[in-house]
Every structure is written in C-alpha cells, then in structure tokens.
Amino acid sequence: MKLFRLLFLALLLSACQPADETKKPEAIEKAPEPEAKTSSVQTHDHSHEHEHPQTNKPNISPLLEQPYEIVESDETCTEPVVMKFFAYQCPHCYTLEKHTQTWKKENNGKVKFQAVPTHLGNQQFGPFILVHETAKTLGLLDKITPMLFKRLHEEEKLFSSQDEAIDFLVSAGANKESATVAIENEEAIKTAIDSNFRLLAKYKISGVPTILVNHRYKFNVTKAGGYDKVFEVVNQTLKLPSNCGLQ
C-alpha cells in the first residue's frame, strides 16, 4: 500500500538528517506530571525520562526567570508565527493540546500557528503524521488534530491500513475521493515531511513538546513553569524583538 511506502520514505528522510545538526528528538526530558492519563500504547522509551521537577514553585512571573532560549536565526516573516514541535504519542504533548486549542481560538487570524509533528523515530506512529499532513491539505487540520490525540491516548488505536486512515479522515468531514487523492499524493507528503525534518534539524529540537516563537524564542513546558503557563510565555515572547511582522 502507498501508505506504508510513505512510512518507509519518512523513516529514510529521518535517517538522512545530518548528524551534526541535531539528535533525534525524544519525549520531553523534564516536565510536570501530565494532567491526563497516558495511553497503554507504548509511546516512548522510559529510560530517557528524568526526575520530575518540584511542583511547589514560587508564584513568580515567567519572564522574570527568562523561561526561553534565544535562537540565532536569519529567518524573517511578514506576520508573527508560533511553531509547536510535538509527537502524537507524547503524553505531555497530549496534555498540552487543550491549552493549544484554547490559545488558537483566542488568536485566530492574529498569529500564524504551525504544528510540526515527528514520530520520534518510531515507525508505528508514522501514519499519524501522514494523516496530519493529509488533513492539512484538505483544510481539516484543526479538527483532525484533537481527534488524532484522542484516538491514540483515549481509544488506544493505531492505523493498520490506508483504508482505515481514509475512513478516519471521512469521519472528520473529508470527501472520500479527495481524501484518497490527497493521501496518495506522495510528492506533496514527501515535501511536507522533508520540511518537518529540516525544521527539527535547523532549530535543534531535542525534545517534545517544544515551542518556538518568531524563529527566536524557544522553550518547553518545564521552562514555562507548567502546561497552563506555556501560552502565557508565548504571548509575552510575541511582544519581544524579532524579525517577524509588527509586534
């Protein structure tokens, strides 16, 4: 099936990343305890996890602790942009998603939001990226994203075939013929996957979820001070100097 040929292609692209630029991203190394239960589907190697930080932190404004890393980048853009690097199987990404959806609704039309998925080198989750990219082509990504998280973490289901992936897209409102054409467009999906890996390498993303604001300010859940603080830091860093649009 074309779906599994594309999975092979995705893994090939991942393996071809220059070793000097970045290591393969892992689930976030340090984070507060997830607010939601994790799936029994194997999501990542627990041997990479470190101890959780203390949760009783002083009530200090996030920016006083500068909860971000400044990235040197020559990228420019005509409007503010927020990138979220994530993996569907990552429990911390799943917990952050409800905060992401709230922020996106509040900032619709004001800030460009770009979700950059990775399968963390685990082939069984590759179809989630394929469905993600197909949904983007079909204009259904905002609806599909929470459905993909739910499928994995609540329903504990993977995708076993291309037909199953197409049926899933149809359940979200896609036309079956359009969904089939989109998921079989190998060149378009190859280009999208290649772009994702280039961004992961360019910004040296070593863990997920990671947020990048205006190509300049990079941070994760721990640095932000918790899931509910992530988009407070996003809003504040959007006001800081950058090469992106008018602040």
C-alpha atoms as a PDB file:
ATOM      1  CA  MET A   1       0.000   0.000   0.000  1.00  0.00           C
ATOM      2  CA  LYS A   2       1.100   3.550  -0.699  1.00  0.00           C
ATOM      3  CA  LEU A   3       0.687   4.417   2.988  1.00  0.00           C
ATOM      4  CA  PHE A   4       3.435   2.058   4.066  1.00  0.00           C
ATOM      5  CA  ARG A   5       5.724   3.109   1.201  1.00  0.00           C
ATOM      6  CA  LEU A   6       5.379   6.645   2.522  1.00  0.00           C
ATOM      7  CA  LEU A   7       6.193   5.443   6.031  1.00  0.00           C
ATOM      8  CA  PHE A   8       9.414   3.971   4.697  1.00  0.00           C
ATOM      9  CA  LEU A   9      10.124   7.264   2.973  1.00  0.00           C
ATOM     10  CA  ALA A  10       9.560   9.200   6.204  1.00  0.00           C
ATOM     11  CA  LEU A  11      11.975   6.990   8.102  1.00  0.00           C
ATOM     12  CA  LEU A  12      14.503   7.303   5.310  1.00  0.00           C
ATOM     13  CA  LEU A  13      14.331  11.088   5.465  1.00  0.00           C
ATOM     14  CA  SER A  14      14.769  10.954   9.239  1.00  0.00           C
ATOM     15  CA  ALA A  15      17.826   8.766   8.905  1.00  0.00           C
ATOM     16  CA  CYS A  16      19.339  11.136   6.356  1.00  0.00           C
ATOM     17  CA  GLN A  17      19.445  14.122   8.713  1.00  0.00           C
ATOM     18  CA  PRO A  18      22.994  15.447   9.170  1.00  0.00           C
ATOM     19  CA  ALA A  19      24.258  14.013  12.445  1.00  0.00           C
ATOM     20  CA  ASP A  20      25.996  17.285  13.351  1.00  0.00           C
ATOM     21  CA  GLU A  21      22.818  19.366  13.269  1.00  0.00           C
ATOM     22  CA  THR A  22      20.585  17.549  15.743  1.00  0.00           C
ATOM     23  CA  LYS A  23      19.937  14.328  17.523  1.00  0.00           C
ATOM     24  CA  LYS A  24      16.619  12.547  17.149  1.00  0.00           C
ATOM     25  CA  PRO A  25      14.097  14.300  19.417  1.00  0.00           C
ATOM     26  CA  GLU A  26      12.782  12.454  22.437  1.00  0.00           C
ATOM     27  CA  ALA A  27       9.739  12.900  24.621  1.00  0.00           C
ATOM     28  CA  ILE A  28      10.371  15.889  26.860  1.00  0.00           C
ATOM     29  CA  GLU A  29      13.103  15.086  29.374  1.00  0.00           C
ATOM     30  CA  LYS A  30      11.635  17.024  32.290  1.00  0.00           C
ATOM     31  CA  ALA A  31       8.037  18.093  32.714  1.00  0.00           C
ATOM     32  CA  PRO A  32       5.322  18.491  35.307  1.00  0.00           C
ATOM     33  CA  GLU A  33       3.123  15.464  35.884  1.00  0.00           C
ATOM     34  CA  PRO A  34       0.630  15.043  32.996  1.00  0.00           C
ATOM     35  CA  GLU A  35      -2.874  16.247  33.783  1.00  0.00           C
ATOM     36  CA  ALA A  36      -4.449  13.405  31.805  1.00  0.00           C
ATOM     37  CA  LYS A  37      -3.855   9.681  31.952  1.00  0.00           C
ATOM     38  CA  THR A  38      -1.388   8.229  29.491  1.00  0.00           C
ATOM     39  CA  SER A  39      -2.234   5.550  26.978  1.00  0.00           C
ATOM     40  CA  SER A  40      -1.234   1.916  27.420  1.00  0.00           C
ATOM     41  CA  VAL A  41       0.087   2.062  23.852  1.00  0.00           C
ATOM     42  CA  GLN A  42       3.869   2.182  24.076  1.00  0.00           C
ATOM     43  CA  THR A  43       4.773   5.781  23.346  1.00  0.00           C
ATOM     44  CA  HIS A  44       8.448   6.212  24.136  1.00  0.00           C
ATOM     45  CA  ASP A  45      11.425   4.713  25.891  1.00  0.00           C
ATOM     46  CA  HIS A  46      11.003   5.458  29.604  1.00  0.00           C
ATOM     47  CA  SER A  47      14.733   5.009  30.128  1.00  0.00           C
ATOM     48  CA  HIS A  48      15.187   8.550  28.762  1.00  0.00           C
ATOM     49  CA  GLU A  49      12.952  10.149  31.394  1.00  0.00           C
ATOM     50  CA  HIS A  50      14.490  12.105  34.237  1.00  0.00           C
ATOM     51  CA  GLU A  51      13.031  13.039  37.588  1.00  0.00           C
ATOM     52  CA  HIS A  52      10.163  15.495  37.580  1.00  0.00           C
ATOM     53  CA  PRO A  53      10.905  18.996  38.917  1.00  0.00           C
ATOM     54  CA  GLN A  54       9.386  20.182  42.169  1.00  0.00           C
ATOM     55  CA  THR A  55       5.829  21.353  41.690  1.00  0.00           C
ATOM     56  CA  ASN A  56       5.718  23.827  44.593  1.00  0.00           C
ATOM     57  CA  LYS A  57       7.403  26.698  42.768  1.00  0.00           C
ATOM     58  CA  PRO A  58       7.108  30.308  43.932  1.00  0.00           C
ATOM     59  CA  ASN A  59       4.425  32.335  42.189  1.00  0.00           C
ATOM     60  CA  ILE A  60       6.829  34.323  40.020  1.00  0.00           C
ATOM     61  CA  SER A  61       6.109  35.912  36.668  1.00  0.00           C
ATOM     62  CA  PRO A  62       7.563  33.567  33.989  1.00  0.00           C
ATOM     63  CA  LEU A  63       9.621  36.252  32.272  1.00  0.00           C
ATOM     64  CA  LEU A  64      11.479  37.065  35.491  1.00  0.00           C
ATOM     65  CA  GLU A  65      13.105  33.657  35.105  1.00  0.00           C
ATOM     66  CA  GLN A  66      13.546  34.107  31.330  1.00  0.00           C
ATOM     67  CA  PRO A  67      11.988  30.750  30.503  1.00  0.00           C
ATOM     68  CA  TYR A  68      13.304  30.597  26.968  1.00  0.00           C
ATOM     69  CA  GLU A  69      16.432  30.139  24.918  1.00  0.00           C
ATOM     70  CA  ILE A  70      17.271  32.772  22.320  1.00  0.00           C
ATOM     71  CA  VAL A  71      17.857  31.140  18.950  1.00  0.00           C
ATOM     72  CA  GLU A  72      20.124  32.722  16.378  1.00  0.00           C
ATOM     73  CA  SER A  73      18.182  32.677  13.110  1.00  0.00           C
ATOM     74  CA  ASP A  74      18.186  34.660   9.886  1.00  0.00           C
ATOM     75  CA  GLU A  75      14.544  33.759   9.229  1.00  0.00           C
ATOM     76  CA  THR A  76      12.144  36.624   8.580  1.00  0.00           C
ATOM     77  CA  CYS A  77       8.370  36.603   8.188  1.00  0.00           C
ATOM     78  CA  THR A  78       5.584  39.042   7.437  1.00  0.00           C
ATOM     79  CA  GLU A  79       3.478  38.069  10.455  1.00  0.00           C
ATOM     80  CA  PRO A  80       4.094  36.712  13.964  1.00  0.00           C
ATOM     81  CA  VAL A  81       4.497  32.929  13.980  1.00  0.00           C
ATOM     82  CA  VAL A  82       4.367  30.273  16.687  1.00  0.00           C
ATOM     83  CA  MET A  83       5.696  26.767  15.981  1.00  0.00           C
ATOM     84  CA  LYS A  84       4.903  23.766  18.141  1.00  0.00           C
ATOM     85  CA  PHE A  85       7.135  20.718  17.719  1.00  0.00           C
ATOM     86  CA  PHE A  86       5.345  17.645  19.017  1.00  0.00           C
ATOM     87  CA  ALA A  87       4.592  13.934  18.672  1.00  0.00           C
ATOM     88  CA  TYR A  88       1.112  12.467  18.817  1.00  0.00           C
ATOM     89  CA  GLN A  89       2.262   9.635  21.096  1.00  0.00           C
ATOM     90  CA  CYS A  90       3.912  12.003  23.589  1.00  0.00           C
ATOM     91  CA  PRO A  91       1.749  12.207  26.766  1.00  0.00           C
ATOM     92  CA  HIS A  92       2.991  15.724  27.550  1.00  0.00           C
ATOM     93  CA  CYS A  93       2.018  16.872  24.047  1.00  0.00           C
ATOM     94  CA  TYR A  94      -1.425  15.349  24.596  1.00  0.00           C
ATOM     95  CA  THR A  95      -1.854  17.232  27.876  1.00  0.00           C
ATOM     96  CA  LEU A  96      -0.700  20.496  26.292  1.00  0.00           C
ATOM     97  CA  GLU A  97      -3.144  20.154  23.395  1.00  0.00           C
ATOM     98  CA  LYS A  98      -6.205  21.502  25.235  1.00  0.00           C
ATOM     99  CA  HIS A  99      -4.222  24.644  26.113  1.00  0.00           C
ATOM    100  CA  THR A 100      -3.091  24.885  22.487  1.00  0.00           C
ATOM    101  CA  GLN A 101      -6.668  24.727  21.209  1.00  0.00           C
ATOM    102  CA  THR A 102      -7.811  27.455  23.620  1.00  0.00           C
ATOM    103  CA  TRP A 103      -4.955  29.763  22.626  1.00  0.00           C
ATOM    104  CA  LYS A 104      -5.509  29.161  18.905  1.00  0.00           C
ATOM    105  CA  LYS A 105      -9.184  30.133  19.176  1.00  0.00           C
ATOM    106  CA  GLU A 106      -8.282  33.326  21.035  1.00  0.00           C
ATOM    107  CA  ASN A 107      -5.629  34.267  18.479  1.00  0.00           C
ATOM    108  CA  ASN A 108      -7.274  33.121  15.267  1.00  0.00           C
ATOM    109  CA  GLY A 109      -6.238  35.477  12.477  1.00  0.00           C
ATOM    110  CA  LYS A 110      -3.745  37.325  14.666  1.00  0.00           C
ATOM    111  CA  VAL A 111      -0.802  34.911  14.797  1.00  0.00           C
ATOM    112  CA  LYS A 112       0.242  32.170  12.386  1.00  0.00           C
ATOM    113  CA  PHE A 113       0.389  28.802  14.159  1.00  0.00           C
ATOM    114  CA  GLN A 114       2.442  25.955  12.714  1.00  0.00           C
ATOM    115  CA  ALA A 115       2.313  22.445  14.178  1.00  0.00           C
ATOM    116  CA  VAL A 116       5.413  20.385  13.312  1.00  0.00           C
ATOM    117  CA  PRO A 117       4.937  16.662  14.043  1.00  0.00           C
ATOM    118  CA  THR A 118       7.585  13.985  14.495  1.00  0.00           C
ATOM    119  CA  HIS A 119       7.196  10.261  15.143  1.00  0.00           C
ATOM    120  CA  LEU A 120      10.304  10.223  17.387  1.00  0.00           C
ATOM    121  CA  GLY A 121      11.793   7.543  15.142  1.00  0.00           C
ATOM    122  CA  ASN A 122       9.024   5.048  15.961  1.00  0.00           C
ATOM    123  CA  GLN A 123       7.513   3.649  12.766  1.00  0.00           C
ATOM    124  CA  GLN A 124       4.188   2.565  14.294  1.00  0.00           C
ATOM    125  CA  PHE A 125       3.258   6.224  14.787  1.00  0.00           C
ATOM    126  CA  GLY A 126       4.219   7.261  11.249  1.00  0.00           C
ATOM    127  CA  PRO A 127       0.616   7.019   9.976  1.00  0.00           C
ATOM    128  CA  PHE A 128      -0.389   9.774  12.397  1.00  0.00           C
ATOM    129  CA  ILE A 129       1.976  12.123  10.569  1.00  0.00           C
ATOM    130  CA  LEU A 130       0.580  11.014   7.216  1.00  0.00           C
ATOM    131  CA  VAL A 131      -2.992  11.675   8.367  1.00  0.00           C
ATOM    132  CA  HIS A 132      -1.853  15.009   9.852  1.00  0.00           C
ATOM    133  CA  GLU A 133      -0.313  16.157   6.565  1.00  0.00           C
ATOM    134  CA  THR A 134      -3.272  14.891   4.534  1.00  0.00           C
ATOM    135  CA  ALA A 135      -5.678  16.743   6.819  1.00  0.00           C
ATOM    136  CA  LYS A 136      -3.634  19.909   6.351  1.00  0.00           C
ATOM    137  CA  THR A 137      -4.012  19.570   2.576  1.00  0.00           C
ATOM    138  CA  LEU A 138      -7.759  19.062   2.980  1.00  0.00           C
ATOM    139  CA  GLY A 139      -8.143  22.059   5.302  1.00  0.00           C
ATOM    140  CA  LEU A 140      -9.199  19.838   8.203  1.00  0.00           C
ATOM    141  CA  LEU A 141      -6.130  20.006  10.441  1.00  0.00           C
ATOM    142  CA  ASP A 142      -7.744  21.966  13.294  1.00  0.00           C
ATOM    143  CA  LYS A 143     -10.485  19.340  13.524  1.00  0.00           C
ATOM    144  CA  ILE A 144      -8.262  16.312  12.964  1.00  0.00           C
ATOM    145  CA  THR A 145      -5.512  17.133  15.497  1.00  0.00           C
ATOM    146  CA  PRO A 146      -7.581  16.599  18.685  1.00  0.00           C
ATOM    147  CA  MET A 147      -9.165  13.541  17.055  1.00  0.00           C
ATOM    148  CA  LEU A 148      -5.724  12.011  16.459  1.00  0.00           C
ATOM    149  CA  PHE A 149      -4.712  12.619  20.078  1.00  0.00           C
ATOM    150  CA  LYS A 150      -7.991  11.091  21.267  1.00  0.00           C
ATOM    151  CA  ARG A 151      -7.587   8.063  19.005  1.00  0.00           C
ATOM    152  CA  LEU A 152      -4.173   7.278  20.446  1.00  0.00           C
ATOM    153  CA  HIS A 153      -4.442   8.269  24.110  1.00  0.00           C
ATOM    154  CA  GLU A 154      -8.114   7.558  24.865  1.00  0.00           C
ATOM    155  CA  GLU A 155      -9.178   4.941  22.335  1.00  0.00           C
ATOM    156  CA  GLU A 156      -5.676   3.403  22.221  1.00  0.00           C
ATOM    157  CA  LYS A 157      -5.841   2.779  18.469  1.00  0.00           C
ATOM    158  CA  LEU A 158      -3.204   2.923  15.762  1.00  0.00           C
ATOM    159  CA  PHE A 159      -3.737   2.837  11.968  1.00  0.00           C
ATOM    160  CA  SER A 160      -3.316  -0.574  10.359  1.00  0.00           C
ATOM    161  CA  SER A 161      -4.084   0.340   6.744  1.00  0.00           C
ATOM    162  CA  GLN A 162      -4.506   3.185   4.299  1.00  0.00           C
ATOM    163  CA  ASP A 163      -8.240   2.467   4.060  1.00  0.00           C
ATOM    164  CA  GLU A 164      -8.531   2.877   7.817  1.00  0.00           C
ATOM    165  CA  ALA A 165      -6.738   6.233   7.610  1.00  0.00           C
ATOM    166  CA  ILE A 166      -9.047   7.386   4.811  1.00  0.00           C
ATOM    167  CA  ASP A 167     -12.143   6.339   6.766  1.00  0.00           C
ATOM    168  CA  PHE A 168     -10.831   8.353   9.717  1.00  0.00           C
ATOM    169  CA  LEU A 169     -10.482  11.441   7.505  1.00  0.00           C
ATOM    170  CA  VAL A 170     -14.001  10.911   6.176  1.00  0.00           C
ATOM    171  CA  SER A 171     -15.308  10.752   9.756  1.00  0.00           C
ATOM    172  CA  ALA A 172     -13.882  14.255  10.220  1.00  0.00           C
ATOM    173  CA  GLY A 173     -15.780  15.576   7.212  1.00  0.00           C
ATOM    174  CA  ALA A 174     -13.466  14.845   4.298  1.00  0.00           C
ATOM    175  CA  ASN A 175     -14.788  13.724   0.930  1.00  0.00           C
ATOM    176  CA  LYS A 176     -13.606  10.130   0.435  1.00  0.00           C
ATOM    177  CA  GLU A 177     -12.338  10.695  -3.097  1.00  0.00           C
ATOM    178  CA  SER A 178     -10.495  13.869  -2.096  1.00  0.00           C
ATOM    179  CA  ALA A 179      -9.002  12.145   0.938  1.00  0.00           C
ATOM    180  CA  THR A 180      -7.799   9.244  -1.187  1.00  0.00           C
ATOM    181  CA  VAL A 181      -6.186  11.539  -3.748  1.00  0.00           C
ATOM    182  CA  ALA A 182      -4.510  13.595  -1.003  1.00  0.00           C
ATOM    183  CA  ILE A 183      -3.104  10.670   0.978  1.00  0.00           C
ATOM    184  CA  GLU A 184      -1.757   9.095  -2.231  1.00  0.00           C
ATOM    185  CA  ASN A 185      -0.025  12.300  -3.330  1.00  0.00           C
ATOM    186  CA  GLU A 186       3.431  11.020  -2.492  1.00  0.00           C
ATOM    187  CA  GLU A 187       5.275  14.100  -3.753  1.00  0.00           C
ATOM    188  CA  ALA A 188       3.256  16.529  -1.612  1.00  0.00           C
ATOM    189  CA  ILE A 189       3.561  14.430   1.543  1.00  0.00           C
ATOM    190  CA  LYS A 190       7.265  13.802   0.904  1.00  0.00           C
ATOM    191  CA  THR A 191       7.777  17.576   0.645  1.00  0.00           C
ATOM    192  CA  ALA A 192       5.856  18.188   3.883  1.00  0.00           C
ATOM    193  CA  ILE A 193       7.763  15.504   5.801  1.00  0.00           C
ATOM    194  CA  ASP A 194      11.071  16.785   4.470  1.00  0.00           C
ATOM    195  CA  SER A 195      10.151  20.306   5.607  1.00  0.00           C
ATOM    196  CA  ASN A 196       9.312  18.999   9.096  1.00  0.00           C
ATOM    197  CA  PHE A 197      12.669  17.258   9.463  1.00  0.00           C
ATOM    198  CA  ARG A 198      14.532  20.320   8.222  1.00  0.00           C
ATOM    199  CA  LEU A 199      12.856  22.454  10.887  1.00  0.00           C
ATOM    200  CA  LEU A 200      13.644  19.882  13.580  1.00  0.00           C
ATOM    201  CA  ALA A 201      17.287  19.944  12.494  1.00  0.00           C
ATOM    202  CA  LYS A 202      17.552  23.705  11.959  1.00  0.00           C
ATOM    203  CA  TYR A 203      16.277  24.544  15.441  1.00  0.00           C
ATOM    204  CA  LYS A 204      17.997  21.579  17.136  1.00  0.00           C
ATOM    205  CA  ILE A 205      14.809  20.214  18.634  1.00  0.00           C
ATOM    206  CA  SER A 206      15.909  17.544  21.110  1.00  0.00           C
ATOM    207  CA  GLY A 207      12.631  17.013  22.973  1.00  0.00           C
ATOM    208  CA  VAL A 208       8.891  17.482  22.571  1.00  0.00           C
ATOM    209  CA  PRO A 209       6.779  19.439  23.096  1.00  0.00           C
ATOM    210  CA  THR A 210       8.940  22.451  22.225  1.00  0.00           C
ATOM    211  CA  ILE A 211       7.609  25.896  21.331  1.00  0.00           C
ATOM    212  CA  LEU A 212       9.390  28.360  19.036  1.00  0.00           C
ATOM    213  CA  VAL A 213       8.125  31.953  18.823  1.00  0.00           C
ATOM    214  CA  ASN A 214       9.042  34.152  15.850  1.00  0.00           C
ATOM    215  CA  HIS A 215      12.012  31.905  14.968  1.00  0.00           C
ATOM    216  CA  ARG A 216      13.809  33.326  18.009  1.00  0.00           C
ATOM    217  CA  TYR A 217      12.437  32.231  21.405  1.00  0.00           C
ATOM    218  CA  LYS A 218      12.468  28.506  22.204  1.00  0.00           C
ATOM    219  CA  PHE A 219      11.147  26.807  25.339  1.00  0.00           C
ATOM    220  CA  ASN A 220       9.311  23.784  26.711  1.00  0.00           C
ATOM    221  CA  VAL A 221       6.718  23.037  29.400  1.00  0.00           C
ATOM    222  CA  THR A 222       9.255  22.891  32.206  1.00  0.00           C
ATOM    223  CA  LYS A 223      10.874  26.202  31.336  1.00  0.00           C
ATOM    224  CA  ALA A 224       7.467  27.850  31.071  1.00  0.00           C
ATOM    225  CA  GLY A 225       6.541  26.636  34.568  1.00  0.00           C
ATOM    226  CA  GLY A 226       3.717  24.261  33.652  1.00  0.00           C
ATOM    227  CA  TYR A 227       1.197  23.417  30.973  1.00  0.00           C
ATOM    228  CA  ASP A 228      -1.044  26.345  31.907  1.00  0.00           C
ATOM    229  CA  LYS A 229       1.897  28.771  31.640  1.00  0.00           C
ATOM    230  CA  VAL A 230       3.120  27.803  28.170  1.00  0.00           C
ATOM    231  CA  PHE A 231       0.901  30.178  26.230  1.00  0.00           C
ATOM    232  CA  GLU A 232       1.393  32.963  28.764  1.00  0.00           C
ATOM    233  CA  VAL A 233       5.056  32.776  27.791  1.00  0.00           C
ATOM    234  CA  VAL A 234       4.042  32.610  24.118  1.00  0.00           C
ATOM    235  CA  ASN A 235       2.038  35.827  24.478  1.00  0.00           C
ATOM    236  CA  GLN A 236       4.878  37.597  26.254  1.00  0.00           C
ATOM    237  CA  THR A 237       7.607  36.491  23.848  1.00  0.00           C
ATOM    238  CA  LEU A 238       5.442  37.584  20.917  1.00  0.00           C
ATOM    239  CA  LYS A 239       5.989  41.126  22.231  1.00  0.00           C
ATOM    240  CA  LEU A 240       9.777  40.806  22.288  1.00  0.00           C
ATOM    241  CA  PRO A 241      12.028  41.979  19.405  1.00  0.00           C
ATOM    242  CA  SER A 242      12.146  39.741  16.344  1.00  0.00           C
ATOM    243  CA  ASN A 243      12.200  39.796  12.552  1.00  0.00           C
ATOM    244  CA  CYS A 244       8.554  38.818  12.297  1.00  0.00           C
ATOM    245  CA  GLY A 245       5.842  41.313  11.445  1.00  0.00           C
ATOM    246  CA  LEU A 246       4.675  44.168  13.623  1.00  0.00           C
ATOM    247  CA  GLN A 247       4.502  43.440  17.332  1.00  0.00           C
END
